[in-house]
Amino acid sequence: MRKKHTLLCLLVLIHTVTYAEDMDHAAQGMAHFNKAFYQFTPKHLQSEAALEYSQAIDEFKKAIIANPENVSAYRSLARVYSLQLQPPI
């Protein structure tokens, strides 16, 4: 019984760490996206926006790897790709 309890606690801990990592990458991705979309794009700073979009893509991909069921990360990734008019890679 004690082994089952320990295993269950370990699984919960692993899930919690994975979820936190997933949310951290998704939040960082949104920060890069917002900077590109709201700060650089309106000022026609295309190269700066492109760099931020690229970093957002990397973070959203990391969030998806950490949690393949993160619908928000997929949606955000698709949004960046559609703004850049490029197909998902």
N, C-alpha and C. Protein backbone atom coordinates (compact mmCIF):
# COMPACT_ATOMS: atom_id res chain seq x y z
N MET A 1 0.82 -1.20 0.00
CA MET A 1 0.00 0.00 0.00
C MET A 1 0.87 1.26 0.00
N ARG A 2 1.93 1.20 0.78
CA ARG A 2 2.81 2.37 0.86
C ARG A 2 3.47 2.65 -0.49
N LYS A 3 3.83 1.59 -1.23
CA LYS A 3 4.44 1.78 -2.54
C LYS A 3 3.47 2.44 -3.51
N LYS A 4 2.20 2.06 -3.44
CA LYS A 4 1.19 2.67 -4.32
C LYS A 4 1.03 4.15 -4.00
N HIS A 5 1.04 4.47 -2.71
CA HIS A 5 0.90 5.86 -2.29
C HIS A 5 2.10 6.68 -2.75
N THR A 6 3.29 6.12 -2.60
CA THR A 6 4.51 6.81 -3.03
C THR A 6 4.50 7.01 -4.54
N LEU A 7 4.10 5.98 -5.28
CA LEU A 7 4.03 6.08 -6.73
C LEU A 7 3.02 7.14 -7.16
N LEU A 8 1.88 7.15 -6.51
CA LEU A 8 0.85 8.16 -6.82
C LEU A 8 1.37 9.57 -6.55
N CYS A 9 2.03 9.76 -5.43
CA CYS A 9 2.60 11.08 -5.11
C CYS A 9 3.65 11.49 -6.14
N LEU A 10 4.46 10.55 -6.57
CA LEU A 10 5.48 10.83 -7.57
C LEU A 10 4.84 11.22 -8.90
N LEU A 11 3.81 10.52 -9.31
CA LEU A 11 3.11 10.85 -10.56
C LEU A 11 2.46 12.23 -10.49
N VAL A 12 1.88 12.56 -9.37
CA VAL A 12 1.27 13.88 -9.21
C VAL A 12 2.34 14.97 -9.27
N LEU A 13 3.47 14.72 -8.65
CA LEU A 13 4.57 15.68 -8.67
C LEU A 13 5.10 15.88 -10.09
N ILE A 14 5.28 14.79 -10.83
CA ILE A 14 5.76 14.89 -12.21
C ILE A 14 4.76 15.66 -13.07
N HIS A 15 3.48 15.37 -12.90
CA HIS A 15 2.45 16.06 -13.68
C HIS A 15 2.44 17.55 -13.34
N THR A 16 2.59 17.88 -12.08
CA THR A 16 2.60 19.28 -11.66
C THR A 16 3.78 20.02 -12.25
N VAL A 17 4.96 19.41 -12.24
CA VAL A 17 6.16 20.05 -12.80
C VAL A 17 5.98 20.23 -14.30
N THR A 18 5.47 19.21 -14.99
CA THR A 18 5.25 19.29 -16.43
C THR A 18 4.24 20.38 -16.75
N TYR A 19 3.16 20.45 -15.98
CA TYR A 19 2.13 21.47 -16.19
C TYR A 19 2.71 22.87 -15.98
N ALA A 20 3.53 23.03 -14.95
CA ALA A 20 4.13 24.34 -14.69
C ALA A 20 5.08 24.73 -15.82
N GLU A 21 5.85 23.77 -16.31
CA GLU A 21 6.76 24.05 -17.41
C GLU A 21 5.97 24.43 -18.66
N ASP A 22 4.90 23.71 -18.91
CA ASP A 22 4.03 24.00 -20.06
C ASP A 22 3.47 25.41 -19.96
N MET A 23 2.96 25.78 -18.79
CA MET A 23 2.37 27.11 -18.62
C MET A 23 3.43 28.19 -18.71
N ASP A 24 4.64 27.90 -18.23
CA ASP A 24 5.72 28.88 -18.30
C ASP A 24 6.09 29.17 -19.75
N HIS A 25 6.22 28.12 -20.54
CA HIS A 25 6.55 28.32 -21.96
C HIS A 25 5.42 29.04 -22.70
N ALA A 26 4.20 28.67 -22.38
CA ALA A 26 3.06 29.33 -23.03
C ALA A 26 3.01 30.81 -22.66
N ALA A 27 3.28 31.13 -21.40
CA ALA A 27 3.28 32.53 -20.97
C ALA A 27 4.41 33.31 -21.63
N GLN A 28 5.58 32.69 -21.73
CA GLN A 28 6.70 33.36 -22.39
C GLN A 28 6.40 33.56 -23.87
N GLY A 29 5.77 32.58 -24.48
CA GLY A 29 5.38 32.70 -25.88
C GLY A 29 4.41 33.86 -26.09
N MET A 30 3.44 33.99 -25.18
CA MET A 30 2.49 35.10 -25.29
C MET A 30 3.17 36.44 -25.08
N ALA A 31 4.16 36.48 -24.19
CA ALA A 31 4.89 37.73 -23.96
C ALA A 31 5.63 38.15 -25.24
N HIS A 32 6.27 37.19 -25.91
CA HIS A 32 6.96 37.50 -27.17
C HIS A 32 5.96 37.91 -28.25
N PHE A 33 4.85 37.19 -28.32
CA PHE A 33 3.83 37.52 -29.31
C PHE A 33 3.29 38.94 -29.09
N ASN A 34 2.94 39.24 -27.85
CA ASN A 34 2.38 40.56 -27.55
C ASN A 34 3.36 41.68 -27.86
N LYS A 35 4.62 41.45 -27.56
CA LYS A 35 5.63 42.47 -27.86
C LYS A 35 5.71 42.71 -29.37
N ALA A 36 5.72 41.62 -30.14
CA ALA A 36 5.80 41.76 -31.60
C ALA A 36 4.55 42.41 -32.16
N PHE A 37 3.40 41.94 -31.72
CA PHE A 37 2.13 42.37 -32.31
C PHE A 37 1.73 43.78 -31.88
N TYR A 38 1.90 44.09 -30.61
CA TYR A 38 1.41 45.37 -30.08
C TYR A 38 2.46 46.48 -30.04
N GLN A 39 3.74 46.12 -29.97
CA GLN A 39 4.77 47.16 -29.88
C GLN A 39 5.50 47.38 -31.20
N PHE A 40 5.98 46.30 -31.81
CA PHE A 40 6.83 46.46 -32.99
C PHE A 40 6.05 46.60 -34.29
N THR A 41 5.03 45.78 -34.48
CA THR A 41 4.29 45.81 -35.75
C THR A 41 3.64 47.17 -36.01
N PRO A 42 2.97 47.81 -35.05
CA PRO A 42 2.37 49.12 -35.33
C PRO A 42 3.40 50.20 -35.69
N LYS A 43 4.63 50.01 -35.23
CA LYS A 43 5.69 50.99 -35.53
C LYS A 43 6.48 50.59 -36.78
N HIS A 44 6.00 49.56 -37.48
CA HIS A 44 6.64 49.07 -38.71
C HIS A 44 8.08 48.63 -38.48
N LEU A 45 8.35 48.09 -37.30
CA LEU A 45 9.68 47.55 -36.98
C LEU A 45 9.64 46.04 -37.29
N GLN A 46 9.69 45.72 -38.58
CA GLN A 46 9.45 44.35 -39.04
C GLN A 46 10.51 43.36 -38.57
N SER A 47 11.78 43.74 -38.60
CA SER A 47 12.81 42.79 -38.20
C SER A 47 12.73 42.47 -36.71
N GLU A 48 12.42 43.48 -35.89
CA GLU A 48 12.26 43.24 -34.45
C GLU A 48 11.04 42.37 -34.19
N ALA A 49 9.95 42.64 -34.92
CA ALA A 49 8.74 41.83 -34.77
C ALA A 49 9.00 40.39 -35.19
N ALA A 50 9.73 40.20 -36.29
CA ALA A 50 10.03 38.86 -36.77
C ALA A 50 10.82 38.06 -35.74
N LEU A 51 11.76 38.72 -35.08
CA LEU A 51 12.54 38.06 -34.04
C LEU A 51 11.65 37.63 -32.88
N GLU A 52 10.77 38.52 -32.45
CA GLU A 52 9.86 38.20 -31.35
C GLU A 52 8.89 37.07 -31.74
N TYR A 53 8.39 37.11 -32.98
CA TYR A 53 7.50 36.05 -33.44
C TYR A 53 8.24 34.71 -33.45
N SER A 54 9.50 34.73 -33.88
CA SER A 54 10.31 33.51 -33.90
C SER A 54 10.48 32.94 -32.49
N GLN A 55 10.73 33.82 -31.53
CA GLN A 55 10.87 33.38 -30.14
C GLN A 55 9.54 32.86 -29.60
N ALA A 56 8.46 33.49 -30.01
CA ALA A 56 7.13 33.03 -29.59
C ALA A 56 6.87 31.62 -30.12
N ILE A 57 7.22 31.39 -31.39
CA ILE A 57 7.04 30.06 -31.99
C ILE A 57 7.83 29.01 -31.21
N ASP A 58 9.07 29.32 -30.88
CA ASP A 58 9.89 28.37 -30.11
C ASP A 58 9.25 28.05 -28.76
N GLU A 59 8.75 29.07 -28.07
CA GLU A 59 8.14 28.85 -26.76
C GLU A 59 6.84 28.05 -26.87
N PHE A 60 6.02 28.35 -27.87
CA PHE A 60 4.77 27.60 -28.03
C PHE A 60 5.06 26.14 -28.35
N LYS A 61 6.10 25.89 -29.15
CA LYS A 61 6.47 24.51 -29.45
C LYS A 61 6.94 23.79 -28.19
N LYS A 62 7.68 24.47 -27.34
CA LYS A 62 8.12 23.86 -26.08
C LYS A 62 6.92 23.56 -25.19
N ALA A 63 5.94 24.46 -25.17
CA ALA A 63 4.73 24.23 -24.38
C ALA A 63 3.97 23.02 -24.89
N ILE A 64 3.93 22.85 -26.20
CA ILE A 64 3.24 21.71 -26.79
C ILE A 64 3.98 20.41 -26.49
N ILE A 65 5.30 20.45 -26.53
CA ILE A 65 6.09 19.26 -26.19
C ILE A 65 5.84 18.87 -24.73
N ALA A 66 5.79 19.87 -23.86
CA ALA A 66 5.57 19.61 -22.44
C ALA A 66 4.16 19.07 -22.19
N ASN A 67 3.19 19.54 -22.98
CA ASN A 67 1.81 19.08 -22.81
C ASN A 67 1.13 19.07 -24.18
N PRO A 68 1.12 17.92 -24.85
CA PRO A 68 0.52 17.84 -26.18
C PRO A 68 -0.98 18.13 -26.21
N GLU A 69 -1.61 18.21 -25.07
CA GLU A 69 -3.05 18.50 -25.02
C GLU A 69 -3.34 19.99 -24.79
N ASN A 70 -2.32 20.83 -24.85
CA ASN A 70 -2.49 22.26 -24.60
C ASN A 70 -3.06 22.94 -25.86
N VAL A 71 -4.37 23.02 -25.91
CA VAL A 71 -5.05 23.59 -27.07
C VAL A 71 -4.69 25.06 -27.27
N SER A 72 -4.52 25.77 -26.20
CA SER A 72 -4.18 27.19 -26.27
C SER A 72 -2.82 27.41 -26.95
N ALA A 73 -1.87 26.55 -26.66
CA ALA A 73 -0.55 26.68 -27.28
C ALA A 73 -0.64 26.42 -28.78
N TYR A 74 -1.43 25.42 -29.17
CA TYR A 74 -1.62 25.16 -30.61
C TYR A 74 -2.29 26.36 -31.28
N ARG A 75 -3.28 26.91 -30.64
CA ARG A 75 -4.01 28.05 -31.20
C ARG A 75 -3.09 29.26 -31.33
N SER A 76 -2.30 29.50 -30.32
CA SER A 76 -1.37 30.64 -30.36
C SER A 76 -0.31 30.44 -31.43
N LEU A 77 0.18 29.22 -31.56
CA LEU A 77 1.17 28.92 -32.59
C LEU A 77 0.57 29.15 -33.98
N ALA A 78 -0.65 28.71 -34.17
CA ALA A 78 -1.32 28.91 -35.47
C ALA A 78 -1.51 30.40 -35.74
N ARG A 79 -1.81 31.16 -34.71
CA ARG A 79 -2.00 32.60 -34.88
C ARG A 79 -0.71 33.27 -35.36
N VAL A 80 0.41 32.89 -34.77
CA VAL A 80 1.69 33.47 -35.18
C VAL A 80 1.97 33.09 -36.63
N TYR A 81 1.78 31.82 -36.96
CA TYR A 81 2.03 31.38 -38.34
C TYR A 81 1.13 32.14 -39.32
N SER A 82 -0.13 32.35 -38.96
CA SER A 82 -1.04 33.04 -39.89
C SER A 82 -0.64 34.50 -40.04
N LEU A 83 -0.16 35.13 -39.00
CA LEU A 83 0.29 36.52 -39.11
C LEU A 83 1.54 36.64 -39.98
N GLN A 84 2.37 35.63 -39.93
CA GLN A 84 3.59 35.65 -40.74
C GLN A 84 3.34 35.06 -42.13
N LEU A 85 2.15 34.61 -42.37
CA LEU A 85 1.77 34.01 -43.65
C LEU A 85 2.69 32.87 -44.04
N GLN A 86 3.02 32.04 -43.07
CA GLN A 86 3.82 30.88 -43.37
C GLN A 86 3.15 29.62 -42.85
N PRO A 87 3.33 28.51 -43.56
CA PRO A 87 2.72 27.26 -43.10
C PRO A 87 3.44 26.72 -41.88
N PRO A 88 2.74 25.98 -41.03
CA PRO A 88 3.41 25.39 -39.86
C PRO A 88 4.48 24.41 -40.31
N ILE A 89 5.56 24.42 -39.59
CA ILE A 89 6.67 23.50 -39.91
C ILE A 89 6.73 22.43 -38.86
